[in-house]
C-alpha atoms as a PDB file:
ATOM      1  CA  MET A   1      87.996 116.269 112.967  1.00  0.00           C
ATOM      2  CA  THR A   2      89.979 118.796 114.896  1.00  0.00           C
ATOM      3  CA  LYS A   3      91.909 121.829 113.788  1.00  0.00           C
ATOM      4  CA  SER A   4      95.127 119.812 114.202  1.00  0.00           C
ATOM      5  CA  PHE A   5      94.073 117.384 111.468  1.00  0.00           C
ATOM      6  CA  LEU A   6      92.893 120.227 109.244  1.00  0.00           C
ATOM      7  CA  SER A   7      96.145 122.136 109.697  1.00  0.00           C
ATOM      8  CA  ILE A   8      98.177 119.161 108.466  1.00  0.00           C
ATOM      9  CA  SER A   9      95.750 118.855 105.566  1.00  0.00           C
ATOM     10  CA  LEU A  10      96.230 122.537 104.717  1.00  0.00           C
ATOM     11  CA  VAL A  11      99.972 121.965 104.374  1.00  0.00           C
ATOM     12  CA  LEU A  12      99.203 119.203 101.879  1.00  0.00           C
ATOM     13  CA  VAL A  13      96.827 121.435  99.909  1.00  0.00           C
ATOM     14  CA  ILE A  14      99.563 124.065  99.593  1.00  0.00           C
ATOM     15  CA  SER A  15     102.079 121.436  98.493  1.00  0.00           C
ATOM     16  CA  PHE A  16      99.637 120.134  95.860  1.00  0.00           C
ATOM     17  CA  ILE A  17      99.146 123.661  94.525  1.00  0.00           C
ATOM     18  CA  LEU A  18     102.907 124.110  94.288  1.00  0.00           C
ATOM     19  CA  LEU A  19     103.048 120.834  92.363  1.00  0.00           C
ATOM     20  CA  GLY A  20     100.649 122.317  89.852  1.00  0.00           C
ATOM     21  CA  ALA A  21      97.344 120.695  90.765  1.00  0.00           C
ATOM     22  CA  SER A  22      94.634 122.174  88.571  1.00  0.00           C
ATOM     23  CA  SER A  23      91.628 121.685  90.840  1.00  0.00           C
ATOM     24  CA  LEU A  24      90.618 121.368  94.466  1.00  0.00           C
ATOM     25  CA  LEU A  25      88.600 118.321  93.410  1.00  0.00           C
ATOM     26  CA  SER A  26      91.717 116.237  92.984  1.00  0.00           C
ATOM     27  CA  ALA A  27      95.473 116.507  93.118  1.00  0.00           C
ATOM     28  CA  LYS A  28      98.666 114.796  92.089  1.00  0.00           C
ATOM     29  CA  SER A  29     100.108 111.927  94.082  1.00  0.00           C
ATOM     30  CA  SER A  30     102.115 112.953  97.112  1.00  0.00           C
ATOM     31  CA  GLN A  31     104.744 110.944  98.944  1.00  0.00           C
ATOM     32  CA  SER A  32     105.904 114.001 100.869  1.00  0.00           C
ATOM     33  CA  PRO A  33     106.906 113.951 104.555  1.00  0.00           C
ATOM     34  CA  GLU A  34     103.666 115.820 105.253  1.00  0.00           C
ATOM     35  CA  ALA A  35     101.639 113.021 103.644  1.00  0.00           C
ATOM     36  CA  GLN A  36     103.456 110.368 105.665  1.00  0.00           C
ATOM     37  CA  LYS A  37     103.014 112.416 108.844  1.00  0.00           C
ATOM     38  CA  MET A  38      99.307 112.790 108.188  1.00  0.00           C
ATOM     39  CA  ILE A  39      98.711 109.042 107.720  1.00  0.00           C
ATOM     40  CA  ASP A  40     100.918 107.908 110.609  1.00  0.00           C
ATOM     41  CA  ASP A  41     100.043 110.613 113.142  1.00  0.00           C
ATOM     42  CA  PRO A  42      99.715 108.940 116.590  1.00  0.00           C
ATOM     43  CA  ARG A  43      96.561 110.927 117.300  1.00  0.00           C
ATOM     44  CA  TRP A  44      94.666 108.486 115.082  1.00  0.00           C
ATOM     45  CA  THR A  45      92.982 106.163 117.609  1.00  0.00           C
ATOM     46  CA  LEU A  46      91.780 102.708 116.583  1.00  0.00           C
ATOM     47  CA  ILE A  47      88.021 102.424 117.270  1.00  0.00           C
ATOM     48  CA  TRP A  48      87.073  99.286 115.298  1.00  0.00           C
ATOM     49  CA  ALA A  49      88.875  96.498 113.473  1.00  0.00           C
ATOM     50  CA  ASP A  50      88.535  93.020 112.086  1.00  0.00           C
ATOM     51  CA  GLU A  51      91.858  91.198 111.760  1.00  0.00           C
ATOM     52  CA  PHE A  52      90.182  88.007 110.419  1.00  0.00           C
ATOM     53  CA  GLU A  53      92.207  85.780 112.732  1.00  0.00           C
ATOM     54  CA  ALA A  54      89.287  83.460 113.539  1.00  0.00           C
ATOM     55  CA  GLU A  55      88.220  80.618 111.271  1.00  0.00           C
ATOM     56  CA  GLU A  56      84.705  81.942 110.873  1.00  0.00           C
ATOM     57  CA  LEU A  57      83.054  85.260 110.115  1.00  0.00           C
ATOM     58  CA  ASN A  58      82.490  87.584 113.064  1.00  0.00           C
ATOM     59  CA  THR A  59      78.754  88.174 112.714  1.00  0.00           C
ATOM     60  CA  SER A  60      78.952  90.965 115.280  1.00  0.00           C
ATOM     61  CA  ASN A  61      80.823  92.908 112.597  1.00  0.00           C
ATOM     62  CA  TRP A  62      79.450  91.687 109.267  1.00  0.00           C
ATOM     63  CA  ARG A  63      76.337  90.543 107.453  1.00  0.00           C
ATOM     64  CA  PHE A  64      75.794  89.226 103.933  1.00  0.00           C
ATOM     65  CA  ASP A  65      74.108  90.802 100.958  1.00  0.00           C
ATOM     66  CA  ILE A  66      72.446  87.913  99.122  1.00  0.00           C
ATOM     67  CA  GLY A  67      71.269  87.490  95.542  1.00  0.00           C
ATOM     68  CA  ASN A  68      71.699  89.437  92.327  1.00  0.00           C
ATOM     69  CA  LYS A  69      69.193  92.306  92.784  1.00  0.00           C
ATOM     70  CA  ASN A  70      68.853  92.962  89.040  1.00  0.00           C
ATOM     71  CA  GLY A  71      72.597  93.135  88.558  1.00  0.00           C
ATOM     72  CA  TRP A  72      73.034  95.567  91.471  1.00  0.00           C
ATOM     73  CA  GLY A  73      72.382  98.447  89.086  1.00  0.00           C
ATOM     74  CA  ASN A  74      75.543  97.672  87.104  1.00  0.00           C
ATOM     75  CA  ALA A  75      74.525  94.626  85.008  1.00  0.00           C
ATOM     76  CA  GLU A  76      76.680  92.390  87.218  1.00  0.00           C
ATOM     77  CA  LEU A  77      76.458  88.626  86.664  1.00  0.00           C
ATOM     78  CA  GLN A  78      77.214  87.108  90.068  1.00  0.00           C
ATOM     79  CA  TYR A  79      74.819  85.714  92.640  1.00  0.00           C
ATOM     80  CA  TYR A  80      75.983  86.565  96.159  1.00  0.00           C
ATOM     81  CA  THR A  81      75.705  83.591  98.525  1.00  0.00           C
ATOM     82  CA  GLU A  82      75.351  83.508 102.293  1.00  0.00           C
ATOM     83  CA  GLY A  83      78.810  82.269 103.190  1.00  0.00           C
ATOM     84  CA  ASN A  84      79.424  79.610 100.537  1.00  0.00           C
ATOM     85  CA  ASN A  85      82.047  81.773  98.825  1.00  0.00           C
ATOM     86  CA  LEU A  86      83.812  82.880 101.987  1.00  0.00           C
ATOM     87  CA  SER A  87      86.752  81.271 103.768  1.00  0.00           C
ATOM     88  CA  PHE A  88      89.710  82.082 106.008  1.00  0.00           C
ATOM     89  CA  GLU A  89      93.329  81.326 105.269  1.00  0.00           C
ATOM     90  CA  ASN A  90      96.448  82.228 107.268  1.00  0.00           C
ATOM     91  CA  GLY A  91      94.639  84.953 109.193  1.00  0.00           C
ATOM     92  CA  MET A  92      93.014  86.437 106.103  1.00  0.00           C
ATOM     93  CA  LEU A  93      89.486  86.716 104.771  1.00  0.00           C
ATOM     94  CA  VAL A  94      89.119  85.128 101.328  1.00  0.00           C
ATOM     95  CA  ILE A  95      86.257  86.104  99.019  1.00  0.00           C
ATOM     96  CA  GLU A  96      86.014  83.638  96.143  1.00  0.00           C
ATOM     97  CA  ALA A  97      84.186  84.125  92.852  1.00  0.00           C
ATOM     98  CA  ARG A  98      83.313  80.897  91.056  1.00  0.00           C
ATOM     99  CA  ARG A  99      81.958  79.933  87.684  1.00  0.00           C
ATOM    100  CA  GLU A 100      79.005  77.823  88.836  1.00  0.00           C
ATOM    101  CA  ASP A 101      75.264  77.798  88.284  1.00  0.00           C
ATOM    102  CA  VAL A 102      72.651  78.984  90.770  1.00  0.00           C
ATOM    103  CA  TYR A 103      68.896  79.030  90.139  1.00  0.00           C
ATOM    104  CA  GLU A 104      66.884  81.703  91.917  1.00  0.00           C
ATOM    105  CA  SER A 105      63.341  82.911  91.153  1.00  0.00           C
ATOM    106  CA  ASN A 106      63.321  81.049  87.833  1.00  0.00           C
ATOM    107  CA  ARG A 107      66.558  82.702  86.736  1.00  0.00           C
ATOM    108  CA  LEU A 108      69.926  81.096  86.097  1.00  0.00           C
ATOM    109  CA  TYR A 109      73.108  82.787  87.310  1.00  0.00           C
ATOM    110  CA  ASN A 110      76.449  81.437  86.105  1.00  0.00           C
ATOM    111  CA  TYR A 111      78.703  82.941  88.778  1.00  0.00           C
ATOM    112  CA  THR A 112      78.714  83.110  92.575  1.00  0.00           C
ATOM    113  CA  SER A 113      80.610  85.346  94.984  1.00  0.00           C
ATOM    114  CA  THR A 114      80.358  87.199  98.325  1.00  0.00           C
ATOM    115  CA  ARG A 115      79.384  90.701  99.402  1.00  0.00           C
ATOM    116  CA  LEU A 116      79.876  91.641 103.067  1.00  0.00           C
ATOM    117  CA  LYS A 117      78.726  94.786 104.841  1.00  0.00           C
ATOM    118  CA  THR A 118      78.716  96.262 108.336  1.00  0.00           C
ATOM    119  CA  GLU A 119      75.261  97.817 107.890  1.00  0.00           C
ATOM    120  CA  GLY A 120      73.334  97.550 111.157  1.00  0.00           C
ATOM    121  CA  LYS A 121      76.494  96.315 112.922  1.00  0.00           C
ATOM    122  CA  PHE A 122      78.955  99.204 112.699  1.00  0.00           C
ATOM    123  CA  SER A 123      78.995 102.641 111.119  1.00  0.00           C
ATOM    124  CA  PHE A 124      80.947 105.798 111.809  1.00  0.00           C
ATOM    125  CA  GLN A 125      81.193 109.487 110.987  1.00  0.00           C
ATOM    126  CA  TYR A 126      84.591 110.882 109.975  1.00  0.00           C
ATOM    127  CA  GLY A 127      87.934 109.229 110.516  1.00  0.00           C
ATOM    128  CA  ARG A 128      90.443 107.071 108.733  1.00  0.00           C
ATOM    129  CA  VAL A 129      89.519 103.642 107.362  1.00  0.00           C
ATOM    130  CA  GLU A 130      91.858 101.240 105.616  1.00  0.00           C
ATOM    131  CA  ALA A 131      92.240  97.627 104.534  1.00  0.00           C
ATOM    132  CA  ARG A 132      95.185  95.528 103.400  1.00  0.00           C
ATOM    133  CA  ILE A 133      94.127  93.679 100.251  1.00  0.00           C
ATOM    134  CA  LYS A 134      95.435  91.599  97.353  1.00  0.00           C
ATOM    135  CA  PHE A 135      93.250  91.436  94.244  1.00  0.00           C
ATOM    136  CA  PRO A 136      92.502  88.694  91.694  1.00  0.00           C
ATOM    137  CA  TYR A 137      93.503  89.023  88.052  1.00  0.00           C
ATOM    138  CA  GLY A 138      91.165  88.352  85.146  1.00  0.00           C
ATOM    139  CA  LYS A 139      88.874  90.086  82.694  1.00  0.00           C
ATOM    140  CA  GLY A 140      85.475  90.908  84.174  1.00  0.00           C
ATOM    141  CA  LEU A 141      86.529  90.723  87.845  1.00  0.00           C
ATOM    142  CA  TRP A 142      85.601  93.778  89.924  1.00  0.00           C
ATOM    143  CA  PRO A 143      86.651  93.702  93.602  1.00  0.00           C
ATOM    144  CA  ALA A 144      85.930  96.713  95.799  1.00  0.00           C
ATOM    145  CA  PHE A 145      86.257  98.132  99.314  1.00  0.00           C
ATOM    146  CA  TRP A 146      83.736 100.943  99.799  1.00  0.00           C
ATOM    147  CA  MET A 147      81.107 102.644 101.956  1.00  0.00           C
ATOM    148  CA  LEU A 148      77.487 103.797 101.770  1.00  0.00           C
ATOM    149  CA  GLY A 149      75.638 106.285 103.940  1.00  0.00           C
ATOM    150  CA  ASP A 150      73.596 104.803 106.784  1.00  0.00           C
ATOM    151  CA  ASN A 151      70.519 106.580 105.412  1.00  0.00           C
ATOM    152  CA  PHE A 152      70.690 104.525 102.199  1.00  0.00           C
ATOM    153  CA  ARG A 153      67.364 102.754 102.827  1.00  0.00           C
ATOM    154  CA  TYR A 154      65.559 106.050 103.454  1.00  0.00           C
ATOM    155  CA  VAL A 155      66.941 108.492 100.890  1.00  0.00           C
ATOM    156  CA  GLY A 156      68.267 106.065  98.269  1.00  0.00           C
ATOM    157  CA  TRP A 157      71.357 106.249  96.113  1.00  0.00           C
ATOM    158  CA  PRO A 158      73.153 108.527  95.334  1.00  0.00           C
ATOM    159  CA  MET A 159      71.627 110.909  97.907  1.00  0.00           C
ATOM    160  CA  CYS A 160      73.032 108.679 100.667  1.00  0.00           C
ATOM    161  CA  GLY A 161      76.564 109.185  99.350  1.00  0.00           C
ATOM    162  CA  GLU A 162      79.050 106.535  98.277  1.00  0.00           C
ATOM    163  CA  ILE A 163      82.778 106.504  99.012  1.00  0.00           C
ATOM    164  CA  ASP A 164      84.689 103.985  96.906  1.00  0.00           C
ATOM    165  CA  ILE A 165      87.871 103.552  98.909  1.00  0.00           C
ATOM    166  CA  VAL A 166      89.345 101.315  96.229  1.00  0.00           C
ATOM    167  CA  GLU A 167      88.078  99.578  93.102  1.00  0.00           C
ATOM    168  CA  PHE A 168      90.101  97.304  90.846  1.00  0.00           C
ATOM    169  CA  LEU A 169      89.376  96.143  87.300  1.00  0.00           C
ATOM    170  CA  GLY A 170      90.703  92.631  86.847  1.00  0.00           C
ATOM    171  CA  HIS A 171      92.067  93.097  83.329  1.00  0.00           C
ATOM    172  CA  ASP A 172      94.523  95.823  84.466  1.00  0.00           C
ATOM    173  CA  LYS A 173      96.669  94.612  87.343  1.00  0.00           C
ATOM    174  CA  TRP A 174      98.567  97.889  87.719  1.00  0.00           C
ATOM    175  CA  THR A 175      95.784 100.436  88.370  1.00  0.00           C
ATOM    176  CA  VAL A 176      93.284 101.158  91.158  1.00  0.00           C
ATOM    177  CA  TYR A 177      90.600 103.823  91.536  1.00  0.00           C
ATOM    178  CA  GLY A 178      89.088 105.884  94.347  1.00  0.00           C
ATOM    179  CA  THR A 179      85.764 107.607  93.645  1.00  0.00           C
ATOM    180  CA  LEU A 180      83.118 109.771  95.291  1.00  0.00           C
ATOM    181  CA  HIS A 181      79.436 109.534  94.321  1.00  0.00           C
ATOM    182  CA  GLY A 182      76.663 111.909  95.318  1.00  0.00           C
ATOM    183  CA  PRO A 183      73.670 113.699  93.793  1.00  0.00           C
ATOM    184  CA  ASN A 184      74.630 115.001  90.338  1.00  0.00           C
ATOM    185  CA  TYR A 185      78.044 113.299  90.473  1.00  0.00           C
ATOM    186  CA  SER A 186      77.278 109.591  90.437  1.00  0.00           C
ATOM    187  CA  GLY A 187      77.863 106.601  88.197  1.00  0.00           C
ATOM    188  CA  SER A 188      80.119 107.513  85.290  1.00  0.00           C
ATOM    189  CA  SER A 189      80.065 111.128  86.555  1.00  0.00           C
ATOM    190  CA  GLY A 190      81.570 110.200  89.923  1.00  0.00           C
ATOM    191  CA  ILE A 191      84.625 112.188  90.991  1.00  0.00           C
ATOM    192  CA  SER A 192      87.415 109.691  90.524  1.00  0.00           C
ATOM    193  CA  GLY A 193      91.155 109.509  90.980  1.00  0.00           C
ATOM    194  CA  LYS A 194      93.405 106.654  89.961  1.00  0.00           C
ATOM    195  CA  TYR A 195      96.806 105.387  90.943  1.00  0.00           C
ATOM    196  CA  ARG A 196      99.014 103.359  88.628  1.00  0.00           C
ATOM    197  CA  LEU A 197     102.032 101.411  89.813  1.00  0.00           C
ATOM    198  CA  ASP A 198     105.399 101.642  88.109  1.00  0.00           C
ATOM    199  CA  GLN A 199     105.411  98.419  86.079  1.00  0.00           C
ATOM    200  CA  LEU A 200     109.204  98.319  85.887  1.00  0.00           C
ATOM    201  CA  ASN A 201     109.864  98.666  89.612  1.00  0.00           C
ATOM    202  CA  SER A 202     106.783  97.435  91.493  1.00  0.00           C
ATOM    203  CA  PRO A 203     104.911  94.141  91.869  1.00  0.00           C
ATOM    204  CA  SER A 204     101.337  94.447  90.622  1.00  0.00           C
ATOM    205  CA  PHE A 205      98.202  94.681  92.751  1.00  0.00           C
ATOM    206  CA  VAL A 206      97.579  90.960  92.133  1.00  0.00           C
ATOM    207  CA  ASP A 207     101.087  89.945  93.215  1.00  0.00           C
ATOM    208  CA  GLU A 208     101.414  91.855  96.476  1.00  0.00           C
ATOM    209  CA  PHE A 209      99.249  93.234  99.288  1.00  0.00           C
ATOM    210  CA  HIS A 210      98.735  96.984  99.600  1.00  0.00           C
ATOM    211  CA  VAL A 211      97.000  99.180 102.165  1.00  0.00           C
ATOM    212  CA  PHE A 212      94.104 101.185 100.714  1.00  0.00           C
ATOM    213  CA  GLY A 213      92.443 103.884 102.770  1.00  0.00           C
ATOM    214  CA  ILE A 214      90.797 107.250 103.135  1.00  0.00           C
ATOM    215  CA  MET A 215      90.966 110.096 105.638  1.00  0.00           C
ATOM    216  CA  TRP A 216      87.610 111.833 105.954  1.00  0.00           C
ATOM    217  CA  ASP A 217      86.404 114.899 107.810  1.00  0.00           C
ATOM    218  CA  GLU A 218      83.753 117.579 107.364  1.00  0.00           C
ATOM    219  CA  GLU A 219      85.851 119.456 104.792  1.00  0.00           C
ATOM    220  CA  GLU A 220      87.397 116.794 102.540  1.00  0.00           C
ATOM    221  CA  ILE A 221      88.088 113.153 101.755  1.00  0.00           C
ATOM    222  CA  ILE A 222      91.645 112.034 100.976  1.00  0.00           C
ATOM    223  CA  TRP A 223      92.566 108.707  99.330  1.00  0.00           C
ATOM    224  CA  TYR A 224      95.866 106.914  99.862  1.00  0.00           C
ATOM    225  CA  ILE A 225      97.735 103.723  98.993  1.00  0.00           C
ATOM    226  CA  ASP A 226     100.361 102.684 101.543  1.00  0.00           C
ATOM    227  CA  ASP A 227     102.075 106.028 102.267  1.00  0.00           C
ATOM    228  CA  ILE A 228     101.035 107.764  99.034  1.00  0.00           C
ATOM    229  CA  ILE A 229      98.137 110.224  98.817  1.00  0.00           C
ATOM    230  CA  TYR A 230      96.774 110.173  95.263  1.00  0.00           C
ATOM    231  CA  HIS A 231      93.297 111.752  95.289  1.00  0.00           C
ATOM    232  CA  ARG A 232      91.282 114.241  97.309  1.00  0.00           C
ATOM    233  CA  VAL A 233      87.847 115.840  97.059  1.00  0.00           C
ATOM    234  CA  ARG A 234      87.035 118.997  99.005  1.00  0.00           C
ATOM    235  CA  ARG A 235      83.600 120.073 100.192  1.00  0.00           C
ATOM    236  CA  GLU A 236      84.303 123.577  98.914  1.00  0.00           C
ATOM    237  CA  ALA A 237      84.784 122.321  95.364  1.00  0.00           C
ATOM    238  CA  ILE A 238      81.541 120.309  95.444  1.00  0.00           C
ATOM    239  CA  GLU A 239      79.516 123.218  96.791  1.00  0.00           C
ATOM    240  CA  ASN A 240      81.116 125.651  94.335  1.00  0.00           C
ATOM    241  CA  ARG A 241      79.549 123.509  91.591  1.00  0.00           C
ATOM    242  CA  ASN A 242      76.152 123.995  93.298  1.00  0.00           C
ATOM    243  CA  ASP A 243      76.128 120.302  94.207  1.00  0.00           C
ATOM    244  CA  LEU A 244      75.414 118.765  97.602  1.00  0.00           C
ATOM    245  CA  TRP A 245      78.091 117.423  99.936  1.00  0.00           C
ATOM    246  CA  VAL A 246      76.352 114.367 101.448  1.00  0.00           C
ATOM    247  CA  PHE A 247      79.199 113.045 103.602  1.00  0.00           C
ATOM    248  CA  ASP A 248      78.403 114.378 107.074  1.00  0.00           C
ATOM    249  CA  GLY A 249      76.460 111.357 108.333  1.00  0.00           C
ATOM    250  CA  GLU A 250      77.512 107.878 109.392  1.00  0.00           C
ATOM    251  CA  PHE A 251      78.654 105.349 106.778  1.00  0.00           C
ATOM    252  CA  PHE A 252      78.963 101.555 106.775  1.00  0.00           C
ATOM    253  CA  ILE A 253      81.654  99.415 105.122  1.00  0.00           C
ATOM    254  CA  ILE A 254      81.313  96.976 102.196  1.00  0.00           C
ATOM    255  CA  LEU A 255      83.696  94.341 100.789  1.00  0.00           C
ATOM    256  CA  ASN A 256      82.762  92.475  97.624  1.00  0.00           C
ATOM    257  CA  LEU A 257      84.008  90.732  94.514  1.00  0.00           C
ATOM    258  CA  ALA A 258      81.688  91.333  91.564  1.00  0.00           C
ATOM    259  CA  VAL A 259      81.786  89.487  88.253  1.00  0.00           C
ATOM    260  CA  GLY A 260      81.000  91.528  85.170  1.00  0.00           C
ATOM    261  CA  GLY A 261      79.347  94.910  84.849  1.00  0.00           C
ATOM    262  CA  TYR A 262      79.232  97.962  82.622  1.00  0.00           C
ATOM    263  CA  TRP A 263      82.609  99.233  83.800  1.00  0.00           C
ATOM    264  CA  PRO A 264      84.832  96.117  84.083  1.00  0.00           C
ATOM    265  CA  GLY A 265      83.287  94.273  81.150  1.00  0.00           C
ATOM    266  CA  TYR A 266      82.599  90.554  81.270  1.00  0.00           C
ATOM    267  CA  PRO A 267      84.639  87.393  81.810  1.00  0.00           C
ATOM    268  CA  ASP A 268      85.927  85.434  78.853  1.00  0.00           C
ATOM    269  CA  PHE A 269      87.317  81.916  78.544  1.00  0.00           C
ATOM    270  CA  ASP A 270      90.708  83.127  79.795  1.00  0.00           C
ATOM    271  CA  THR A 271      89.359  84.561  83.062  1.00  0.00           C
ATOM    272  CA  PRO A 272      90.633  82.237  85.804  1.00  0.00           C
ATOM    273  CA  PHE A 273      88.088  80.785  88.223  1.00  0.00           C
ATOM    274  CA  PRO A 274      87.913  80.440  91.112  1.00  0.00           C
ATOM    275  CA  ALA A 275      89.144  84.013  91.608  1.00  0.00           C
ATOM    276  CA  ARG A 276      90.165  85.124  95.085  1.00  0.00           C
ATOM    277  CA  MET A 277      90.255  88.488  96.846  1.00  0.00           C
ATOM    278  CA  TYR A 278      92.401  88.368 100.007  1.00  0.00           C
ATOM    279  CA  VAL A 279      91.745  90.807 102.876  1.00  0.00           C
ATOM    280  CA  ASP A 280      94.268  90.857 105.713  1.00  0.00           C
ATOM    281  CA  TYR A 281      92.410  93.370 107.892  1.00  0.00           C
ATOM    282  CA  VAL A 282      89.979  96.291 107.993  1.00  0.00           C
ATOM    283  CA  ARG A 283      90.668  99.069 110.534  1.00  0.00           C
ATOM    284  CA  VAL A 284      88.886 102.290 111.466  1.00  0.00           C
ATOM    285  CA  TYR A 285      90.505 105.170 113.346  1.00  0.00           C
ATOM    286  CA  GLN A 286      89.269 108.498 114.639  1.00  0.00           C
ATOM    287  CA  TRP A 287      91.237 111.615 115.508  1.00  0.00           C
ATOM    288  CA  ASN A 288      91.930 112.185 119.193  1.00  0.00           C
ATOM    289  CA  ASP A 289      93.931 115.223 120.321  1.00  0.00           C
END
């Protein structure tokens, strides 16, 4: 990023301090003119996008993760298929979780879903990435839009770094989370912020689309929903804890709808299936003075 981007960010840091933020790791939500200016600045240049306007997956952009991989480290229940749980509707990508049986390697899985990634197709270092998404409601559903470091296969997790742009727990239709994972701050110790809608004045995350994104440079990562900044993590704060900042390499994008896991809990008889996660677009921008 350039000094121009960092100077706008500095204004936001000062405004957060004036609001009474207690730590440089995170800060209160901001819907200030500075926040809006930062997100909408015309110097953000689109470098990659998938608008999902075709009736099939663009395999130049995406590939599938397949299987269960021992619950993906989270005791998840779903088996990810190679396209069977993916469709397109009105210019949107639809990821569908189903209650159905799949046998694989002498094991029975009772749910299927989809996990897409741009690994080996597209990755980037620094910028702004966002997606417009509507989530499914139901206990045990765990949709996410996130990123892993390109060096994942060589250094492993969490040394590769993980940026959870947005995660949603299906039993709470009003709250979303943005989290950073790295060495010594991973899993339940990840550095997380959350945003909760006003239940009296706003449609929930399952009733309406929202734009979820981050702005990322060598000094910090900032999370936003629509025009509201609600979480930020600064390199300085990580290094002041004697931890490693592992977010200077290239990262790839992941979209998935998990079923069950340690954090969301597990489906019950009231969880509606099929459950659908709708993605209108994914866009990546970089700063260009």
